[in-house]
Amino acid sequence: MRITCPFCGERDLREFTCRGAAVERPAPGAGEAAWDAYLHLRDNPAGPSREYWQHTGGCRAWLVVSRDTLSHAVAGCRPASGHRRGGRP
C-alpha cells in the first residue's frame, strides 16, 4: 500500500502509523452519552473509510487518509484539520 503525503509525496505504508477513525469529537459539554459513543461505539465499515494516520517515518504530519478497507486502495490523503507537523490534530 502506498500513501501520498501532501508534504513528502508518495511513500510506502511502513512510514505511516494508523491512529484510528477520523470522526468528529463531541463538544466539551456534549454530555456523558455523547463521549461514551465517541470513545467506545465506533463503526467498523467494510468499504470506504476515513482514518487518522501519522507520517511517523517522515515529516510526522497528521493526515486524514480515505481508503477502502476491503481492497486497501487509497482514494485520497490530506492534512488533518488543525494540522501541525509533528503535533496532534
C-alpha atoms as a PDB file:
ATOM      1  CA  MET A   1       0.000   0.000   0.000  1.00  0.00           C
ATOM      2  CA  ARG A   2       1.290   3.459  -0.933  1.00  0.00           C
ATOM      3  CA  ILE A   3       0.174   6.738   0.654  1.00  0.00           C
ATOM      4  CA  THR A   4       0.855  10.115  -0.928  1.00  0.00           C
ATOM      5  CA  CYS A   5       1.819  12.505   1.863  1.00  0.00           C
ATOM      6  CA  PRO A   6       0.879  16.071   0.840  1.00  0.00           C
ATOM      7  CA  PHE A   7       4.292  17.220   2.118  1.00  0.00           C
ATOM      8  CA  CYS A   8       6.657  14.369   1.155  1.00  0.00           C
ATOM      9  CA  GLY A   9       4.998  12.726  -1.843  1.00  0.00           C
ATOM     10  CA  GLU A  10       4.238   9.044  -2.377  1.00  0.00           C
ATOM     11  CA  ARG A  11       5.645   6.765   0.311  1.00  0.00           C
ATOM     12  CA  ASP A  12       5.409   3.142   1.430  1.00  0.00           C
ATOM     13  CA  LEU A  13       2.881   2.198   4.118  1.00  0.00           C
ATOM     14  CA  ARG A  14       5.712   1.320   6.539  1.00  0.00           C
ATOM     15  CA  GLU A  15       6.466   5.043   7.005  1.00  0.00           C
ATOM     16  CA  PHE A  16       2.977   5.657   8.447  1.00  0.00           C
ATOM     17  CA  THR A  17       1.086   4.683  11.597  1.00  0.00           C
ATOM     18  CA  CYS A  18      -2.698   4.349  11.596  1.00  0.00           C
ATOM     19  CA  ARG A  19      -4.193   6.168  14.580  1.00  0.00           C
ATOM     20  CA  GLY A  20      -7.916   5.375  14.196  1.00  0.00           C
ATOM     21  CA  ALA A  21     -11.141   6.549  12.605  1.00  0.00           C
ATOM     22  CA  ALA A  22     -11.355  10.207  11.599  1.00  0.00           C
ATOM     23  CA  VAL A  23     -14.605  11.115  13.331  1.00  0.00           C
ATOM     24  CA  GLU A  24     -15.808  14.409  14.788  1.00  0.00           C
ATOM     25  CA  ARG A  25     -15.194  14.882  18.509  1.00  0.00           C
ATOM     26  CA  PRO A  26     -18.218  15.873  20.594  1.00  0.00           C
ATOM     27  CA  ALA A  27     -18.336  19.375  22.036  1.00  0.00           C
ATOM     28  CA  PRO A  28     -16.798  19.581  25.542  1.00  0.00           C
ATOM     29  CA  GLY A  29     -20.235  19.933  27.181  1.00  0.00           C
ATOM     30  CA  ALA A  30     -21.972  17.331  24.989  1.00  0.00           C
ATOM     31  CA  GLY A  31     -22.660  15.013  27.880  1.00  0.00           C
ATOM     32  CA  GLU A  32     -21.608  11.593  29.032  1.00  0.00           C
ATOM     33  CA  ALA A  33     -23.594   9.623  26.410  1.00  0.00           C
ATOM     34  CA  ALA A  34     -22.016  11.533  23.501  1.00  0.00           C
ATOM     35  CA  TRP A  35     -18.500  10.998  24.851  1.00  0.00           C
ATOM     36  CA  ASP A  36     -19.184   7.317  25.563  1.00  0.00           C
ATOM     37  CA  ALA A  37     -20.364   6.832  21.970  1.00  0.00           C
ATOM     38  CA  TYR A  38     -17.320   8.701  20.611  1.00  0.00           C
ATOM     39  CA  LEU A  39     -14.858   6.618  22.629  1.00  0.00           C
ATOM     40  CA  HIS A  40     -16.446   3.180  22.552  1.00  0.00           C
ATOM     41  CA  LEU A  41     -19.097   2.799  19.840  1.00  0.00           C
ATOM     42  CA  ARG A  42     -17.149   3.030  16.592  1.00  0.00           C
ATOM     43  CA  ASP A  43     -18.258   1.594  13.266  1.00  0.00           C
ATOM     44  CA  ASN A  44     -16.019  -0.950  11.572  1.00  0.00           C
ATOM     45  CA  PRO A  45     -17.012  -0.388   7.954  1.00  0.00           C
ATOM     46  CA  ALA A  46     -16.300  -2.783   5.121  1.00  0.00           C
ATOM     47  CA  GLY A  47     -15.624  -0.324   2.320  1.00  0.00           C
ATOM     48  CA  PRO A  48     -14.796   3.390   2.200  1.00  0.00           C
ATOM     49  CA  SER A  49     -13.475   4.913   5.428  1.00  0.00           C
ATOM     50  CA  ARG A  50     -11.548   7.934   6.698  1.00  0.00           C
ATOM     51  CA  GLU A  51      -8.743   7.425   9.216  1.00  0.00           C
ATOM     52  CA  TYR A  52      -6.118   9.478  11.003  1.00  0.00           C
ATOM     53  CA  TRP A  53      -2.599   8.435  10.048  1.00  0.00           C
ATOM     54  CA  GLN A  54       0.697   9.944  11.137  1.00  0.00           C
ATOM     55  CA  HIS A  55       3.727  10.057   8.850  1.00  0.00           C
ATOM     56  CA  THR A  56       5.961   8.743  11.634  1.00  0.00           C
ATOM     57  CA  GLY A  57       8.820   7.761   9.335  1.00  0.00           C
ATOM     58  CA  GLY A  58       8.863  11.109   7.542  1.00  0.00           C
ATOM     59  CA  CYS A  59       7.623  14.623   8.286  1.00  0.00           C
ATOM     60  CA  ARG A  60       5.497  13.442  11.285  1.00  0.00           C
ATOM     61  CA  ALA A  61       2.416  15.189   9.839  1.00  0.00           C
ATOM     62  CA  TRP A  62      -1.062  14.080  10.898  1.00  0.00           C
ATOM     63  CA  LEU A  63      -3.157  13.136   7.883  1.00  0.00           C
ATOM     64  CA  VAL A  64      -6.677  12.038   7.029  1.00  0.00           C
ATOM     65  CA  VAL A  65      -6.454   9.078   4.662  1.00  0.00           C
ATOM     66  CA  SER A  66      -9.515   7.979   2.696  1.00  0.00           C
ATOM     67  CA  ARG A  67      -9.243   4.312   1.809  1.00  0.00           C
ATOM     68  CA  ASP A  68     -11.282   1.208   1.104  1.00  0.00           C
ATOM     69  CA  THR A  69     -10.956  -1.298   3.955  1.00  0.00           C
ATOM     70  CA  LEU A  70     -11.701  -4.219   1.604  1.00  0.00           C
ATOM     71  CA  SER A  71      -9.139  -3.508  -1.119  1.00  0.00           C
ATOM     72  CA  HIS A  72      -6.824  -1.131   0.829  1.00  0.00           C
ATOM     73  CA  ALA A  73      -6.963   1.210  -2.178  1.00  0.00           C
ATOM     74  CA  VAL A  74      -6.165   4.773  -1.080  1.00  0.00           C
ATOM     75  CA  ALA A  75      -8.601   7.302  -2.558  1.00  0.00           C
ATOM     76  CA  GLY A  76      -7.008  10.411  -1.056  1.00  0.00           C
ATOM     77  CA  CYS A  77      -4.864  11.954   1.643  1.00  0.00           C
ATOM     78  CA  ARG A  78      -4.957  15.444   3.134  1.00  0.00           C
ATOM     79  CA  PRO A  79      -3.547  17.214   6.185  1.00  0.00           C
ATOM     80  CA  ALA A  80      -5.692  16.739   9.282  1.00  0.00           C
ATOM     81  CA  SER A  81      -7.741  19.721  10.445  1.00  0.00           C
ATOM     82  CA  GLY A  82      -5.668  21.981  12.693  1.00  0.00           C
ATOM     83  CA  HIS A  83      -2.539  20.291  11.312  1.00  0.00           C
ATOM     84  CA  ARG A  84       0.848  20.990  12.799  1.00  0.00           C
ATOM     85  CA  ARG A  85       3.847  18.966  11.708  1.00  0.00           C
ATOM     86  CA  GLY A  86       4.682  16.556  14.496  1.00  0.00           C
ATOM     87  CA  GLY A  87       1.752  17.641  16.692  1.00  0.00           C
ATOM     88  CA  ARG A  88      -1.646  16.036  17.223  1.00  0.00           C
ATOM     89  CA  PRO A  89      -4.552  17.286  15.072  1.00  0.00           C
END
